[in-house]
Structure formats: C-alpha cells, structure tokens
PDB file of N, CA and C in Angstrom:
ATOM      1  N   MET A   1     -28.564 -32.292  22.549  1.00  0.00           N
ATOM      2  CA  MET A   1     -28.394 -32.650  21.142  1.00  0.00           C
ATOM      3  C   MET A   1     -28.368 -31.400  20.267  1.00  0.00           C
ATOM      4  N   ASN A   2     -29.188 -30.425  20.611  1.00  0.00           N
ATOM      5  CA  ASN A   2     -29.239 -29.196  19.832  1.00  0.00           C
ATOM      6  C   ASN A   2     -27.928 -28.420  19.939  1.00  0.00           C
ATOM      7  N   ASP A   3     -27.277 -28.450  21.105  1.00  0.00           N
ATOM      8  CA  ASP A   3     -25.999 -27.769  21.277  1.00  0.00           C
ATOM      9  C   ASP A   3     -24.923 -28.374  20.392  1.00  0.00           C
ATOM     10  N   LEU A   4     -24.938 -29.675  20.224  1.00  0.00           N
ATOM     11  CA  LEU A   4     -23.965 -30.339  19.357  1.00  0.00           C
ATOM     12  C   LEU A   4     -24.173 -29.918  17.903  1.00  0.00           C
ATOM     13  N   ARG A   5     -25.419 -29.800  17.493  1.00  0.00           N
ATOM     14  CA  ARG A   5     -25.708 -29.354  16.118  1.00  0.00           C
ATOM     15  C   ARG A   5     -25.237 -27.913  15.912  1.00  0.00           C
ATOM     16  N   ASP A   6     -25.485 -27.071  16.889  1.00  0.00           N
ATOM     17  CA  ASP A   6     -25.017 -25.687  16.790  1.00  0.00           C
ATOM     18  C   ASP A   6     -23.500 -25.636  16.704  1.00  0.00           C
ATOM     19  N   PHE A   7     -22.856 -26.410  17.563  1.00  0.00           N
ATOM     20  CA  PHE A   7     -21.399 -26.442  17.546  1.00  0.00           C
ATOM     21  C   PHE A   7     -20.882 -26.908  16.187  1.00  0.00           C
ATOM     22  N   LEU A   8     -21.464 -27.973  15.658  1.00  0.00           N
ATOM     23  CA  LEU A   8     -21.012 -28.495  14.362  1.00  0.00           C
ATOM     24  C   LEU A   8     -21.291 -27.505  13.234  1.00  0.00           C
ATOM     25  N   ALA A   9     -22.407 -26.809  13.311  1.00  0.00           N
ATOM     26  CA  ALA A   9     -22.717 -25.816  12.275  1.00  0.00           C
ATOM     27  C   ALA A   9     -21.708 -24.673  12.308  1.00  0.00           C
ATOM     28  N   TRP A  10     -21.419 -24.137  13.495  1.00  0.00           N
ATOM     29  CA  TRP A  10     -20.449 -23.047  13.602  1.00  0.00           C
ATOM     30  C   TRP A  10     -19.051 -23.522  13.234  1.00  0.00           C
ATOM     31  N   TRP A  11     -18.721 -24.750  13.625  1.00  0.00           N
ATOM     32  CA  TRP A  11     -17.412 -25.296  13.290  1.00  0.00           C
ATOM     33  C   TRP A  11     -17.272 -25.433  11.788  1.00  0.00           C
ATOM     34  N   ALA A  12     -18.309 -25.917  11.118  1.00  0.00           N
ATOM     35  CA  ALA A  12     -18.265 -26.078   9.661  1.00  0.00           C
ATOM     36  C   ALA A  12     -18.141 -24.724   8.967  1.00  0.00           C
ATOM     37  N   LEU A  13     -18.888 -23.731   9.461  1.00  0.00           N
ATOM     38  CA  LEU A  13     -18.775 -22.398   8.861  1.00  0.00           C
ATOM     39  C   LEU A  13     -17.365 -21.832   9.031  1.00  0.00           C
ATOM     40  N   ALA A  14     -16.799 -21.996  10.206  1.00  0.00           N
ATOM     41  CA  ALA A  14     -15.441 -21.509  10.434  1.00  0.00           C
ATOM     42  C   ALA A  14     -14.435 -22.273   9.580  1.00  0.00           C
ATOM     43  N   LEU A  15     -14.635 -23.570   9.433  1.00  0.00           N
ATOM     44  CA  LEU A  15     -13.741 -24.374   8.600  1.00  0.00           C
ATOM     45  C   LEU A  15     -13.810 -23.928   7.146  1.00  0.00           C
ATOM     46  N   ILE A  16     -15.005 -23.719   6.637  1.00  0.00           N
ATOM     47  CA  ILE A  16     -15.167 -23.279   5.251  1.00  0.00           C
ATOM     48  C   ILE A  16     -14.559 -21.894   5.054  1.00  0.00           C
ATOM     49  N   ALA A  17     -14.800 -20.996   6.001  1.00  0.00           N
ATOM     50  CA  ALA A  17     -14.232 -19.649   5.891  1.00  0.00           C
ATOM     51  C   ALA A  17     -12.710 -19.697   5.952  1.00  0.00           C
ATOM     52  N   GLY A  18     -12.182 -20.493   6.865  1.00  0.00           N
ATOM     53  CA  GLY A  18     -10.727 -20.632   6.960  1.00  0.00           C
ATOM     54  C   GLY A  18     -10.134 -21.254   5.707  1.00  0.00           C
ATOM     55  N   ALA A  19     -10.816 -22.247   5.164  1.00  0.00           N
ATOM     56  CA  ALA A  19     -10.337 -22.879   3.935  1.00  0.00           C
ATOM     57  C   ALA A  19     -10.370 -21.891   2.775  1.00  0.00           C
ATOM     58  N   THR A  20     -11.388 -21.050   2.741  1.00  0.00           N
ATOM     59  CA  THR A  20     -11.467 -20.043   1.680  1.00  0.00           C
ATOM     60  C   THR A  20     -10.281 -19.085   1.764  1.00  0.00           C
ATOM     61  N   VAL A  21      -9.969 -18.662   2.958  1.00  0.00           N
ATOM     62  CA  VAL A  21      -8.822 -17.761   3.144  1.00  0.00           C
ATOM     63  C   VAL A  21      -7.530 -18.471   2.764  1.00  0.00           C
ATOM     64  N   ALA A  22      -7.374 -19.716   3.202  1.00  0.00           N
ATOM     65  CA  ALA A  22      -6.151 -20.461   2.894  1.00  0.00           C
ATOM     66  C   ALA A  22      -6.007 -20.690   1.395  1.00  0.00           C
ATOM     67  N   VAL A  23      -7.089 -21.081   0.745  1.00  0.00           N
ATOM     68  CA  VAL A  23      -7.035 -21.303  -0.708  1.00  0.00           C
ATOM     69  C   VAL A  23      -6.741 -19.999  -1.430  1.00  0.00           C
ATOM     70  N   GLY A  24      -7.353 -18.915  -0.979  1.00  0.00           N
ATOM     71  CA  GLY A  24      -7.075 -17.617  -1.595  1.00  0.00           C
ATOM     72  C   GLY A  24      -5.621 -17.216  -1.439  1.00  0.00           C
ATOM     73  N   GLN A  25      -5.063 -17.457  -0.265  1.00  0.00           N
ATOM     74  CA  GLN A  25      -3.656 -17.128  -0.027  1.00  0.00           C
ATOM     75  C   GLN A  25      -2.743 -17.984  -0.902  1.00  0.00           C
ATOM     76  N   ILE A  26      -3.041 -19.271  -1.002  1.00  0.00           N
ATOM     77  CA  ILE A  26      -2.238 -20.164  -1.846  1.00  0.00           C
ATOM     78  C   ILE A  26      -2.343 -19.741  -3.309  1.00  0.00           C
ATOM     79  N   ALA A  27      -3.561 -19.448  -3.763  1.00  0.00           N
ATOM     80  CA  ALA A  27      -3.740 -19.011  -5.152  1.00  0.00           C
ATOM     81  C   ALA A  27      -3.001 -17.706  -5.412  1.00  0.00           C
ATOM     82  N   HIS A  28      -3.040 -16.809  -4.441  1.00  0.00           N
ATOM     83  CA  HIS A  28      -2.344 -15.532  -4.594  1.00  0.00           C
ATOM     84  C   HIS A  28      -0.836 -15.748  -4.695  1.00  0.00           C
ATOM     85  N   LYS A  29      -0.292 -16.625  -3.869  1.00  0.00           N
ATOM     86  CA  LYS A  29       1.141 -16.896  -3.917  1.00  0.00           C
ATOM     87  C   LYS A  29       1.532 -17.638  -5.190  1.00  0.00           C
ATOM     88  N   MET A  30       0.665 -18.537  -5.654  1.00  0.00           N
ATOM     89  CA  MET A  30       0.977 -19.288  -6.862  1.00  0.00           C
ATOM     90  C   MET A  30       0.886 -18.410  -8.103  1.00  0.00           C
ATOM     91  N   ALA A  31      -0.027 -17.452  -8.084  1.00  0.00           N
ATOM     92  CA  ALA A  31      -0.235 -16.623  -9.270  1.00  0.00           C
ATOM     93  C   ALA A  31       0.989 -15.756  -9.554  1.00  0.00           C
ATOM     94  N   ARG A  32       1.565 -15.163  -8.501  1.00  0.00           N
ATOM     95  CA  ARG A  32       2.718 -14.264  -8.665  1.00  0.00           C
ATOM     96  C   ARG A  32       2.520 -13.379  -9.891  1.00  0.00           C
ATOM     97  N   LEU A  33       1.444 -12.650  -9.866  1.00  0.00           N
ATOM     98  CA  LEU A  33       1.050 -11.842 -11.008  1.00  0.00           C
ATOM     99  C   LEU A  33       2.002 -10.671 -11.203  1.00  0.00           C
ATOM    100  N   ASP A  34       2.570 -10.579 -12.392  1.00  0.00           N
ATOM    101  CA  ASP A  34       3.401  -9.429 -12.731  1.00  0.00           C
ATOM    102  C   ASP A  34       2.498  -8.211 -12.906  1.00  0.00           C
ATOM    103  N   LEU A  35       3.009  -7.042 -12.559  1.00  0.00           N
ATOM    104  CA  LEU A  35       2.212  -5.827 -12.689  1.00  0.00           C
ATOM    105  C   LEU A  35       2.038  -5.414 -14.141  1.00  0.00           C
ATOM    106  N   GLU A  36       3.026  -5.692 -14.959  1.00  0.00           N
ATOM    107  CA  GLU A  36       2.957  -5.313 -16.372  1.00  0.00           C
ATOM    108  C   GLU A  36       2.501  -6.497 -17.202  1.00  0.00           C
ATOM    109  N   MET A  37       1.636  -6.205 -18.172  1.00  0.00           N
ATOM    110  CA  MET A  37       1.159  -7.272 -19.049  1.00  0.00           C
ATOM    111  C   MET A  37       2.293  -7.725 -19.966  1.00  0.00           C
ATOM    112  N   PRO A  38       2.438  -9.046 -20.157  1.00  0.00           N
ATOM    113  CA  PRO A  38       3.484  -9.534 -21.057  1.00  0.00           C
ATOM    114  C   PRO A  38       3.125  -9.257 -22.520  1.00  0.00           C
ATOM    115  N   SER A  39       4.131  -9.170 -23.362  1.00  0.00           N
ATOM    116  CA  SER A  39       3.884  -8.909 -24.782  1.00  0.00           C
ATOM    117  C   SER A  39       3.622 -10.195 -25.566  1.00  0.00           C
ATOM    118  N   ASP A  40       4.074 -11.331 -25.055  1.00  0.00           N
ATOM    119  CA  ASP A  40       3.847 -12.618 -25.706  1.00  0.00           C
ATOM    120  C   ASP A  40       2.363 -12.979 -25.600  1.00  0.00           C
ATOM    121  N   PRO A  41       1.695 -13.299 -26.738  1.00  0.00           N
ATOM    122  CA  PRO A  41       0.245 -13.580 -26.697  1.00  0.00           C
ATOM    123  C   PRO A  41      -0.124 -14.773 -25.802  1.00  0.00           C
ATOM    124  N   VAL A  42       0.695 -15.806 -25.782  1.00  0.00           N
ATOM    125  CA  VAL A  42       0.397 -16.969 -24.944  1.00  0.00           C
ATOM    126  C   VAL A  42       0.508 -16.593 -23.463  1.00  0.00           C
ATOM    127  N   LYS A  43       1.560 -15.866 -23.120  1.00  0.00           N
ATOM    128  CA  LYS A  43       1.729 -15.430 -21.730  1.00  0.00           C
ATOM    129  C   LYS A  43       0.654 -14.423 -21.341  1.00  0.00           C
ATOM    130  N   LEU A  44       0.181 -13.629 -22.300  1.00  0.00           N
ATOM    131  CA  LEU A  44      -0.869 -12.654 -22.022  1.00  0.00           C
ATOM    132  C   LEU A  44      -2.178 -13.352 -21.654  1.00  0.00           C
ATOM    133  N   VAL A  45      -2.514 -14.438 -22.359  1.00  0.00           N
ATOM    134  CA  VAL A  45      -3.724 -15.195 -22.032  1.00  0.00           C
ATOM    135  C   VAL A  45      -3.614 -15.772 -20.619  1.00  0.00           C
ATOM    136  N   ALA A  46      -2.447 -16.339 -20.294  1.00  0.00           N
ATOM    137  CA  ALA A  46      -2.230 -16.890 -18.954  1.00  0.00           C
ATOM    138  C   ALA A  46      -2.282 -15.780 -17.907  1.00  0.00           C
ATOM    139  N   TRP A  47      -1.742 -14.612 -18.237  1.00  0.00           N
ATOM    140  CA  TRP A  47      -1.756 -13.476 -17.313  1.00  0.00           C
ATOM    141  C   TRP A  47      -3.192 -13.055 -16.987  1.00  0.00           C
ATOM    142  N   HIS A  48      -4.039 -12.991 -18.028  1.00  0.00           N
ATOM    143  CA  HIS A  48      -5.441 -12.602 -17.818  1.00  0.00           C
ATOM    144  C   HIS A  48      -6.184 -13.645 -16.983  1.00  0.00           C
ATOM    145  N   LYS A  49      -5.892 -14.921 -17.218  1.00  0.00           N
ATOM    146  CA  LYS A  49      -6.537 -15.971 -16.415  1.00  0.00           C
ATOM    147  C   LYS A  49      -6.121 -15.861 -14.959  1.00  0.00           C
ATOM    148  N   ARG A  50      -4.832 -15.631 -14.712  1.00  0.00           N
ATOM    149  CA  ARG A  50      -4.364 -15.464 -13.334  1.00  0.00           C
ATOM    150  C   ARG A  50      -5.012 -14.263 -12.683  1.00  0.00           C
ATOM    151  N   ARG A  51      -5.128 -13.180 -13.421  1.00  0.00           N
ATOM    152  CA  ARG A  51      -5.730 -11.959 -12.870  1.00  0.00           C
ATOM    153  C   ARG A  51      -7.196 -12.185 -12.522  1.00  0.00           C
ATOM    154  N   LYS A  52      -7.901 -12.956 -13.375  1.00  0.00           N
ATOM    155  CA  LYS A  52      -9.306 -13.260 -13.105  1.00  0.00           C
ATOM    156  C   LYS A  52      -9.447 -14.069 -11.814  1.00  0.00           C
ATOM    157  N   TRP A  53      -8.620 -15.089 -11.639  1.00  0.00           N
ATOM    158  CA  TRP A  53      -8.712 -15.924 -10.438  1.00  0.00           C
ATOM    159  C   TRP A  53      -8.242 -15.172  -9.196  1.00  0.00           C
ATOM    160  N   LEU A  54      -7.309 -14.274  -9.375  1.00  0.00           N
ATOM    161  CA  LEU A  54      -6.895 -13.437  -8.255  1.00  0.00           C
ATOM    162  C   LEU A  54      -8.058 -12.551  -7.810  1.00  0.00           C
ATOM    163  N   ALA A  55      -8.813 -12.028  -8.772  1.00  0.00           N
ATOM    164  CA  ALA A  55      -9.983 -11.204  -8.436  1.00  0.00           C
ATOM    165  C   ALA A  55     -11.034 -12.039  -7.702  1.00  0.00           C
ATOM    166  N   ILE A  56     -11.206 -13.288  -8.099  1.00  0.00           N
ATOM    167  CA  ILE A  56     -12.182 -14.154  -7.427  1.00  0.00           C
ATOM    168  C   ILE A  56     -11.761 -14.414  -5.986  1.00  0.00           C
ATOM    169  N   THR A  57     -10.477 -14.671  -5.766  1.00  0.00           N
ATOM    170  CA  THR A  57     -10.020 -14.902  -4.392  1.00  0.00           C
ATOM    171  C   THR A  57     -10.141 -13.628  -3.561  1.00  0.00           C
ATOM    172  N   GLU A  58      -9.913 -12.480  -4.183  1.00  0.00           N
ATOM    173  CA  GLU A  58     -10.057 -11.223  -3.452  1.00  0.00           C
ATOM    174  C   GLU A  58     -11.516 -10.957  -3.104  1.00  0.00           C
ATOM    175  N   LEU A  59     -12.436 -11.304  -4.000  1.00  0.00           N
ATOM    176  CA  LEU A  59     -13.854 -11.120  -3.714  1.00  0.00           C
ATOM    177  C   LEU A  59     -14.326 -12.024  -2.578  1.00  0.00           C
ATOM    178  N   SER A  60     -13.710 -13.192  -2.458  1.00  0.00           N
ATOM    179  CA  SER A  60     -14.136 -14.129  -1.406  1.00  0.00           C
ATOM    180  C   SER A  60     -13.525 -13.799  -0.046  1.00  0.00           C
ATOM    181  N   ALA A  61     -12.569 -12.914   0.016  1.00  0.00           N
ATOM    182  CA  ALA A  61     -11.878 -12.628   1.279  1.00  0.00           C
ATOM    183  C   ALA A  61     -12.801 -11.977   2.304  1.00  0.00           C
ATOM    184  N   LEU A  62     -13.568 -10.984   1.912  1.00  0.00           N
ATOM    185  CA  LEU A  62     -14.403 -10.253   2.879  1.00  0.00           C
ATOM    186  C   LEU A  62     -15.461 -11.145   3.520  1.00  0.00           C
ATOM    187  N   PRO A  63     -16.237 -11.917   2.738  1.00  0.00           N
ATOM    188  CA  PRO A  63     -17.203 -12.798   3.407  1.00  0.00           C
ATOM    189  C   PRO A  63     -16.530 -13.864   4.272  1.00  0.00           C
ATOM    190  N   ALA A  64     -15.382 -14.348   3.846  1.00  0.00           N
ATOM    191  CA  ALA A  64     -14.680 -15.354   4.644  1.00  0.00           C
ATOM    192  C   ALA A  64     -14.218 -14.771   5.966  1.00  0.00           C
ATOM    193  N   PHE A  65     -13.660 -13.577   5.942  1.00  0.00           N
ATOM    194  CA  PHE A  65     -13.205 -12.938   7.175  1.00  0.00           C
ATOM    195  C   PHE A  65     -14.381 -12.640   8.103  1.00  0.00           C
ATOM    196  N   ALA A  66     -15.494 -12.197   7.543  1.00  0.00           N
ATOM    197  CA  ALA A  66     -16.669 -11.908   8.367  1.00  0.00           C
ATOM    198  C   ALA A  66     -17.199 -13.186   9.024  1.00  0.00           C
ATOM    199  N   THR A  67     -17.206 -14.268   8.268  1.00  0.00           N
ATOM    200  CA  THR A  67     -17.659 -15.545   8.819  1.00  0.00           C
ATOM    201  C   THR A  67     -16.730 -16.027   9.914  1.00  0.00           C
ATOM    202  N   LEU A  68     -15.431 -15.891   9.693  1.00  0.00           N
ATOM    203  CA  LEU A  68     -14.469 -16.294  10.720  1.00  0.00           C
ATOM    204  C   LEU A  68     -14.652 -15.492  12.007  1.00  0.00           C
ATOM    205  N   ALA A  69     -14.820 -14.197  11.879  1.00  0.00           N
ATOM    206  CA  ALA A  69     -14.976 -13.361  13.069  1.00  0.00           C
ATOM    207  C   ALA A  69     -16.260 -13.703  13.817  1.00  0.00           C
ATOM    208  N   THR A  70     -17.339 -13.891  13.086  1.00  0.00           N
ATOM    209  CA  THR A  70     -18.612 -14.221  13.723  1.00  0.00           C
ATOM    210  C   THR A  70     -18.558 -15.594  14.383  1.00  0.00           C
ATOM    211  N   ALA A  71     -18.027 -16.568  13.675  1.00  0.00           N
ATOM    212  CA  ALA A  71     -17.935 -17.913  14.238  1.00  0.00           C
ATOM    213  C   ALA A  71     -17.016 -17.926  15.459  1.00  0.00           C
ATOM    214  N   GLY A  72     -15.921 -17.202  15.410  1.00  0.00           N
ATOM    215  CA  GLY A  72     -15.016 -17.130  16.553  1.00  0.00           C
ATOM    216  C   GLY A  72     -15.660 -16.481  17.762  1.00  0.00           C
ATOM    217  N   ARG A  73     -16.434 -15.430  17.528  1.00  0.00           N
ATOM    218  CA  ARG A  73     -17.114 -14.759  18.631  1.00  0.00           C
ATOM    219  C   ARG A  73     -18.123 -15.684  19.297  1.00  0.00           C
ATOM    220  N   VAL A  74     -18.893 -16.395  18.482  1.00  0.00           N
ATOM    221  CA  VAL A  74     -19.909 -17.287  19.038  1.00  0.00           C
ATOM    222  C   VAL A  74     -19.249 -18.492  19.710  1.00  0.00           C
ATOM    223  N   TYR A  75     -18.245 -19.055  19.052  1.00  0.00           N
ATOM    224  CA  TYR A  75     -17.598 -20.256  19.579  1.00  0.00           C
ATOM    225  C   TYR A  75     -16.921 -19.989  20.925  1.00  0.00           C
ATOM    226  N   PHE A  76     -16.212 -18.877  21.025  1.00  0.00           N
ATOM    227  CA  PHE A  76     -15.501 -18.565  22.262  1.00  0.00           C
ATOM    228  C   PHE A  76     -16.354 -17.762  23.244  1.00  0.00           C
ATOM    229  N   ASP A  77     -17.623 -17.533  22.888  1.00  0.00           N
ATOM    230  CA  ASP A  77     -18.567 -16.817  23.738  1.00  0.00           C
ATOM    231  C   ASP A  77     -17.994 -15.467  24.193  1.00  0.00           C
ATOM    232  N   LEU A  78     -17.512 -14.697  23.216  1.00  0.00           N
ATOM    233  CA  LEU A  78     -16.935 -13.386  23.487  1.00  0.00           C
ATOM    234  C   LEU A  78     -18.035 -12.334  23.530  1.00  0.00           C
ATOM    235  N   PRO A  79     -17.784 -11.217  24.165  1.00  0.00           N
ATOM    236  CA  PRO A  79     -18.784 -10.137  24.166  1.00  0.00           C
ATOM    237  C   PRO A  79     -19.003  -9.608  22.741  1.00  0.00           C
ATOM    238  N   PRO A  80     -20.220  -9.181  22.448  1.00  0.00           N
ATOM    239  CA  PRO A  80     -20.513  -8.687  21.099  1.00  0.00           C
ATOM    240  C   PRO A  80     -19.584  -7.561  20.644  1.00  0.00           C
ATOM    241  N   ILE A  81     -19.181  -6.672  21.558  1.00  0.00           N
ATOM    242  CA  ILE A  81     -18.317  -5.562  21.145  1.00  0.00           C
ATOM    243  C   ILE A  81     -16.970  -6.067  20.655  1.00  0.00           C
ATOM    244  N   LEU A  82     -16.461  -7.130  21.276  1.00  0.00           N
ATOM    245  CA  LEU A  82     -15.202  -7.712  20.814  1.00  0.00           C
ATOM    246  C   LEU A  82     -15.385  -8.353  19.442  1.00  0.00           C
ATOM    247  N   GLY A  83     -16.542  -8.971  19.241  1.00  0.00           N
ATOM    248  CA  GLY A  83     -16.842  -9.531  17.920  1.00  0.00           C
ATOM    249  C   GLY A  83     -16.872  -8.455  16.849  1.00  0.00           C
ATOM    250  N   VAL A  84     -17.446  -7.309  17.193  1.00  0.00           N
ATOM    251  CA  VAL A  84     -17.490  -6.190  16.243  1.00  0.00           C
ATOM    252  C   VAL A  84     -16.075  -5.702  15.933  1.00  0.00           C
ATOM    253  N   LEU A  85     -15.239  -5.577  16.965  1.00  0.00           N
ATOM    254  CA  LEU A  85     -13.868  -5.102  16.748  1.00  0.00           C
ATOM    255  C   LEU A  85     -13.056  -6.080  15.893  1.00  0.00           C
ATOM    256  N   VAL A  86     -13.211  -7.372  16.145  1.00  0.00           N
ATOM    257  CA  VAL A  86     -12.501  -8.366  15.334  1.00  0.00           C
ATOM    258  C   VAL A  86     -13.001  -8.328  13.898  1.00  0.00           C
ATOM    259  N   THR A  87     -14.311  -8.224  13.730  1.00  0.00           N
ATOM    260  CA  THR A  87     -14.871  -8.141  12.380  1.00  0.00           C
ATOM    261  C   THR A  87     -14.366  -6.899  11.656  1.00  0.00           C
ATOM    262  N   MET A  88     -14.273  -5.777  12.368  1.00  0.00           N
ATOM    263  CA  MET A  88     -13.758  -4.549  11.752  1.00  0.00           C
ATOM    264  C   MET A  88     -12.295  -4.713  11.347  1.00  0.00           C
ATOM    265  N   GLY A  89     -11.497  -5.350  12.202  1.00  0.00           N
ATOM    266  CA  GLY A  89     -10.090  -5.568  11.875  1.00  0.00           C
ATOM    267  C   GLY A  89      -9.912  -6.454  10.657  1.00  0.00           C
ATOM    268  N   LEU A  90     -10.652  -7.552  10.624  1.00  0.00           N
ATOM    269  CA  LEU A  90     -10.564  -8.435   9.456  1.00  0.00           C
ATOM    270  C   LEU A  90     -11.186  -7.780   8.227  1.00  0.00           C
ATOM    271  N   GLY A  91     -12.242  -7.000   8.432  1.00  0.00           N
ATOM    272  CA  GLY A  91     -12.857  -6.289   7.319  1.00  0.00           C
ATOM    273  C   GLY A  91     -11.936  -5.243   6.717  1.00  0.00           C
ATOM    274  N   PHE A  92     -11.077  -4.674   7.550  1.00  0.00           N
ATOM    275  CA  PHE A  92     -10.090  -3.701   7.070  1.00  0.00           C
ATOM    276  C   PHE A  92      -9.203  -4.328   5.992  1.00  0.00           C
ATOM    277  N   VAL A  93      -8.801  -5.560   6.215  1.00  0.00           N
ATOM    278  CA  VAL A  93      -7.970  -6.272   5.238  1.00  0.00           C
ATOM    279  C   VAL A  93      -8.816  -6.746   4.058  1.00  0.00           C
ATOM    280  N   GLY A  94      -9.950  -7.362   4.362  1.00  0.00           N
ATOM    281  CA  GLY A  94     -10.795  -7.919   3.311  1.00  0.00           C
ATOM    282  C   GLY A  94     -11.393  -6.875   2.392  1.00  0.00           C
ATOM    283  N   PHE A  95     -11.708  -5.681   2.937  1.00  0.00           N
ATOM    284  CA  PHE A  95     -12.315  -4.646   2.114  1.00  0.00           C
ATOM    285  C   PHE A  95     -11.341  -4.135   1.054  1.00  0.00           C
ATOM    286  N   ALA A  96     -10.078  -4.024   1.417  1.00  0.00           N
ATOM    287  CA  ALA A  96      -9.082  -3.588   0.434  1.00  0.00           C
ATOM    288  C   ALA A  96      -8.983  -4.596  -0.707  1.00  0.00           C
ATOM    289  N   MET A  97      -9.043  -5.871  -0.363  1.00  0.00           N
ATOM    290  CA  MET A  97      -9.019  -6.904  -1.398  1.00  0.00           C
ATOM    291  C   MET A  97     -10.273  -6.823  -2.264  1.00  0.00           C
ATOM    292  N   LEU A  98     -11.419  -6.597  -1.625  1.00  0.00           N
ATOM    293  CA  LEU A  98     -12.669  -6.498  -2.356  1.00  0.00           C
ATOM    294  C   LEU A  98     -12.650  -5.316  -3.323  1.00  0.00           C
ATOM    295  N   ILE A  99     -12.148  -4.181  -2.883  1.00  0.00           N
ATOM    296  CA  ILE A  99     -12.081  -2.996  -3.749  1.00  0.00           C
ATOM    297  C   ILE A  99     -11.154  -3.242  -4.941  1.00  0.00           C
ATOM    298  N   ASP A 100     -10.012  -3.887  -4.698  1.00  0.00           N
ATOM    299  CA  ASP A 100      -9.083  -4.184  -5.782  1.00  0.00           C
ATOM    300  C   ASP A 100      -9.733  -5.091  -6.823  1.00  0.00           C
ATOM    301  N   ALA A 101     -10.458  -6.103  -6.364  1.00  0.00           N
ATOM    302  CA  ALA A 101     -11.137  -7.008  -7.288  1.00  0.00           C
ATOM    303  C   ALA A 101     -12.255  -6.285  -8.031  1.00  0.00           C
ATOM    304  N   ALA A 102     -13.008  -5.453  -7.332  1.00  0.00           N
ATOM    305  CA  ALA A 102     -14.088  -4.711  -7.977  1.00  0.00           C
ATOM    306  C   ALA A 102     -13.541  -3.745  -9.026  1.00  0.00           C
ATOM    307  N   LYS A 103     -12.408  -3.117  -8.729  1.00  0.00           N
ATOM    308  CA  LYS A 103     -11.779  -2.210  -9.697  1.00  0.00           C
ATOM    309  C   LYS A 103     -11.396  -2.964 -10.966  1.00  0.00           C
ATOM    310  N   TYR A 104     -10.806  -4.138 -10.783  1.00  0.00           N
ATOM    311  CA  TYR A 104     -10.410  -4.940 -11.938  1.00  0.00           C
ATOM    312  C   TYR A 104     -11.636  -5.339 -12.764  1.00  0.00           C
ATOM    313  N   LEU A 105     -12.691  -5.815 -12.094  1.00  0.00           N
ATOM    314  CA  LEU A 105     -13.887  -6.244 -12.817  1.00  0.00           C
ATOM    315  C   LEU A 105     -14.565  -5.065 -13.517  1.00  0.00           C
ATOM    316  N   PHE A 106     -14.579  -3.899 -12.885  1.00  0.00           N
ATOM    317  CA  PHE A 106     -15.160  -2.709 -13.513  1.00  0.00           C
ATOM    318  C   PHE A 106     -14.360  -2.306 -14.752  1.00  0.00           C
ATOM    319  N   GLN A 107     -13.025  -2.285 -14.619  1.00  0.00           N
ATOM    320  CA  GLN A 107     -12.191  -1.922 -15.765  1.00  0.00           C
ATOM    321  C   GLN A 107     -12.389  -2.903 -16.911  1.00  0.00           C
ATOM    322  N   LYS A 108     -12.518  -4.165 -16.586  1.00  0.00           N
ATOM    323  CA  LYS A 108     -12.722  -5.173 -17.626  1.00  0.00           C
ATOM    324  C   LYS A 108     -14.080  -4.979 -18.291  1.00  0.00           C
ATOM    325  N   ARG A 109     -15.098  -4.692 -17.494  1.00  0.00           N
ATOM    326  CA  ARG A 109     -16.448  -4.522 -18.027  1.00  0.00           C
ATOM    327  C   ARG A 109     -16.545  -3.288 -18.910  1.00  0.00           C
ATOM    328  N   VAL A 110     -15.915  -2.200 -18.483  1.00  0.00           N
ATOM    329  CA  VAL A 110     -15.971  -0.948 -19.240  1.00  0.00           C
ATOM    330  C   VAL A 110     -15.025  -0.978 -20.442  1.00  0.00           C
ATOM    331  N   GLY A 111     -13.992  -1.805 -20.365  1.00  0.00           N
ATOM    332  CA  GLY A 111     -13.042  -1.914 -21.462  1.00  0.00           C
ATOM    333  C   GLY A 111     -11.784  -1.091 -21.267  1.00  0.00           C
ATOM    334  N   ILE A 112     -11.509  -0.680 -20.035  1.00  0.00           N
ATOM    335  CA  ILE A 112     -10.286   0.062 -19.743  1.00  0.00           C
ATOM    336  C   ILE A 112      -9.151  -0.943 -19.590  1.00  0.00           C
ATOM    337  N   PRO A 113      -8.079  -0.799 -20.358  1.00  0.00           N
ATOM    338  CA  PRO A 113      -6.958  -1.740 -20.201  1.00  0.00           C
ATOM    339  C   PRO A 113      -6.345  -1.630 -18.808  1.00  0.00           C
ATOM    340  N   ASP A 114      -5.785  -2.745 -18.338  1.00  0.00           N
ATOM    341  CA  ASP A 114      -5.145  -2.755 -17.019  1.00  0.00           C
ATOM    342  C   ASP A 114      -4.032  -1.735 -16.959  1.00  0.00           C
ATOM    343  N   GLY A 115      -3.976  -0.995 -15.857  1.00  0.00           N
ATOM    344  CA  GLY A 115      -2.900  -0.040 -15.644  1.00  0.00           C
ATOM    345  C   GLY A 115      -3.253   1.384 -16.041  1.00  0.00           C
ATOM    346  N   GLU A 116      -4.281   1.581 -16.889  1.00  0.00           N
ATOM    347  CA  GLU A 116      -4.631   2.942 -17.303  1.00  0.00           C
ATOM    348  C   GLU A 116      -5.449   3.679 -16.260  1.00  0.00           C
ATOM    349  N   GLY A 117      -6.160   2.937 -15.386  1.00  0.00           N
ATOM    350  CA  GLY A 117      -6.995   3.574 -14.373  1.00  0.00           C
ATOM    351  C   GLY A 117      -6.230   3.898 -13.112  1.00  0.00           C
ATOM    352  N   GLU A 118      -4.921   3.681 -13.100  1.00  0.00           N
ATOM    353  CA  GLU A 118      -4.106   3.913 -11.910  1.00  0.00           C
ATOM    354  C   GLU A 118      -3.905   5.404 -11.694  1.00  0.00           C
ATOM    355  N   GLY A 119      -3.722   5.778 -10.434  1.00  0.00           N
ATOM    356  CA  GLY A 119      -3.429   7.175 -10.106  1.00  0.00           C
ATOM    357  C   GLY A 119      -1.997   7.510 -10.472  1.00  0.00           C
ATOM    358  N   ALA A 120      -1.706   8.804 -10.643  1.00  0.00           N
ATOM    359  CA  ALA A 120      -0.362   9.197 -11.102  1.00  0.00           C
ATOM    360  C   ALA A 120       0.627   9.105 -10.022  1.00  0.00           C
TER     361      ALA A 120
END
C-alpha cells in the first residue's frame, strides 16, 4: 500500500511539473511579446501585462524542470548520477529563463525602462 502512495505522489509531482512547463510554453507562444514597447497607451498596458506573465512563467521553469528530473529519476529507478546529469541539462534551460525573469523584475523594481539595461 505504501508503494502505491509513493507512486501516486511522484506521479502527481511529475504531472504538476509537466503541466507547469506546458502552461508556460503555451503562455509564451500566446504572448508573442514584441521586443520594442508600443507607443499606443492601450497596447503599452497590454504589453506590460504580457511581459509580467512571461516573467512568471520563466520563474516557474526551473523548479518545474528540477521536479521533472527528480521524479523521472525516481520513477524509472535510474542511477543518481544520471539524475544529476538530467537535472543539469534541464537546469541549463531553466536557469536562462530564470535569469531573464529576474532581470526584468530587477529592472522594474529599480525603475530602469525595458531595453536600457541591454548590452551593446
């Protein structure tokens, strides 16, 4: 009975992590955020809302990928070193998303307009 509970717990964690990634991907595709801010005030408000939700999906990517890698390692009973390698591979993608979201939130908090903190 305990094995079934463990299986269901890991399955639920993997399902939630996978759903988070899928929702983030769908939100990212739906947002289609332009790099330049629009000059129309109504479109600018919508642009900022899209950018905020894009940052939220980017922030959720790293924990979701880590959960997927851990759940996959346990579920398929893989060696720990393989679990570490899979986590590193997924973290490589998720960390870039996390940094992009953190940069946006920092610029917003400090008051730097979008695009001014970019490298030349």
